[in-house]
Amino acid sequence: MIKGLCVDDKIGEAAGLFKKMGLCGCWPNVVTYGILINGLC
């Protein structure tokens, strides 16, 4: 989902989902971090 949001240039929503993952106990991993960083570039 985060990758799709980044592709659609919805970086703010992707970052929000990233934050919610941790709050729900689904901790982001290296792949998730990489996707978000690539979306920011």
N, C-alpha and C. Protein backbone atom coordinates (compact mmCIF):
# COMPACT_ATOMS: atom_id res chain seq x y z
N MET A 1 0.81 -1.18 0.00
CA MET A 1 0.00 0.00 0.00
C MET A 1 0.86 1.26 0.00
N ILE A 2 1.92 1.23 0.77
CA ILE A 2 2.80 2.40 0.85
C ILE A 2 3.43 2.67 -0.51
N LYS A 3 3.83 1.64 -1.21
CA LYS A 3 4.42 1.83 -2.54
C LYS A 3 3.41 2.44 -3.50
N GLY A 4 2.18 1.97 -3.46
CA GLY A 4 1.14 2.52 -4.32
C GLY A 4 0.89 3.99 -4.05
N LEU A 5 0.87 4.36 -2.78
CA LEU A 5 0.69 5.76 -2.43
C LEU A 5 1.86 6.61 -2.93
N CYS A 6 3.07 6.08 -2.81
CA CYS A 6 4.24 6.81 -3.29
C CYS A 6 4.20 6.98 -4.81
N VAL A 7 3.79 5.93 -5.51
CA VAL A 7 3.69 5.99 -6.97
C VAL A 7 2.67 7.05 -7.39
N ASP A 8 1.58 7.15 -6.63
CA ASP A 8 0.54 8.15 -6.92
C ASP A 8 0.89 9.53 -6.37
N ASP A 9 2.12 9.69 -5.90
CA ASP A 9 2.63 10.97 -5.36
C ASP A 9 1.83 11.45 -4.16
N LYS A 10 1.43 10.50 -3.32
CA LYS A 10 0.72 10.81 -2.08
C LYS A 10 1.64 10.48 -0.91
N ILE A 11 2.75 11.19 -0.85
CA ILE A 11 3.80 10.91 0.12
C ILE A 11 3.31 11.14 1.55
N GLY A 12 2.53 12.17 1.75
CA GLY A 12 2.00 12.45 3.09
C GLY A 12 1.14 11.32 3.61
N GLU A 13 0.30 10.77 2.74
CA GLU A 13 -0.54 9.64 3.14
C GLU A 13 0.31 8.40 3.40
N ALA A 14 1.34 8.20 2.58
CA ALA A 14 2.24 7.06 2.77
C ALA A 14 2.96 7.17 4.11
N ALA A 15 3.42 8.37 4.44
CA ALA A 15 4.11 8.57 5.71
C ALA A 15 3.15 8.35 6.89
N GLY A 16 1.91 8.78 6.73
CA GLY A 16 0.91 8.55 7.77
C GLY A 16 0.64 7.08 7.99
N LEU A 17 0.54 6.33 6.90
CA LEU A 17 0.33 4.89 7.01
C LEU A 17 1.54 4.22 7.66
N PHE A 18 2.72 4.69 7.30
CA PHE A 18 3.96 4.18 7.88
C PHE A 18 3.93 4.35 9.40
N LYS A 19 3.50 5.52 9.84
CA LYS A 19 3.42 5.80 11.28
C LYS A 19 2.37 4.92 11.95
N LYS A 20 1.23 4.75 11.31
CA LYS A 20 0.15 3.93 11.87
C LYS A 20 0.57 2.47 12.02
N MET A 21 1.45 2.01 11.14
CA MET A 21 1.91 0.62 11.22
C MET A 21 2.50 0.34 12.60
N GLY A 22 3.36 1.23 13.06
CA GLY A 22 3.99 1.05 14.37
C GLY A 22 2.99 1.12 15.50
N LEU A 23 2.02 2.00 15.37
CA LEU A 23 1.00 2.14 16.42
C LEU A 23 0.12 0.90 16.53
N CYS A 24 -0.02 0.18 15.42
CA CYS A 24 -0.86 -1.03 15.40
C CYS A 24 -0.05 -2.29 15.72
N GLY A 25 1.24 -2.13 15.94
CA GLY A 25 2.08 -3.29 16.28
C GLY A 25 2.64 -4.01 15.07
N CYS A 26 2.46 -3.44 13.88
CA CYS A 26 3.01 -4.02 12.65
C CYS A 26 4.22 -3.18 12.27
N TRP A 27 5.36 -3.52 12.83
CA TRP A 27 6.55 -2.68 12.70
C TRP A 27 7.11 -2.72 11.28
N PRO A 28 7.41 -1.55 10.71
CA PRO A 28 8.02 -1.48 9.38
C PRO A 28 9.39 -2.15 9.38
N ASN A 29 9.73 -2.75 8.24
CA ASN A 29 11.04 -3.39 8.12
C ASN A 29 11.90 -2.62 7.11
N VAL A 30 13.03 -3.18 6.76
CA VAL A 30 13.97 -2.52 5.85
C VAL A 30 13.32 -2.24 4.50
N VAL A 31 12.53 -3.16 4.01
CA VAL A 31 11.88 -2.97 2.71
C VAL A 31 10.92 -1.79 2.77
N THR A 32 10.14 -1.71 3.85
CA THR A 32 9.18 -0.62 4.00
C THR A 32 9.89 0.72 4.08
N TYR A 33 10.97 0.78 4.84
CA TYR A 33 11.76 2.02 4.92
C TYR A 33 12.27 2.41 3.53
N GLY A 34 12.79 1.44 2.80
CA GLY A 34 13.33 1.71 1.47
C GLY A 34 12.28 2.25 0.51
N ILE A 35 11.08 1.68 0.57
CA ILE A 35 10.00 2.14 -0.30
C ILE A 35 9.66 3.59 0.01
N LEU A 36 9.55 3.91 1.28
CA LEU A 36 9.21 5.28 1.67
C LEU A 36 10.32 6.26 1.28
N ILE A 37 11.56 5.87 1.49
CA ILE A 37 12.69 6.74 1.12
C ILE A 37 12.73 6.96 -0.39
N ASN A 38 12.51 5.90 -1.17
CA ASN A 38 12.49 6.05 -2.63
C ASN A 38 11.35 6.97 -3.06
N GLY A 39 10.24 6.91 -2.36
CA GLY A 39 9.12 7.79 -2.68
C GLY A 39 9.43 9.25 -2.41
N LEU A 40 10.30 9.49 -1.46
CA LEU A 40 10.68 10.86 -1.12
C LEU A 40 11.71 11.45 -2.08
N CYS A 41 12.38 10.59 -2.84
CA CYS A 41 13.43 11.07 -3.76
C CYS A 41 12.88 11.46 -5.11
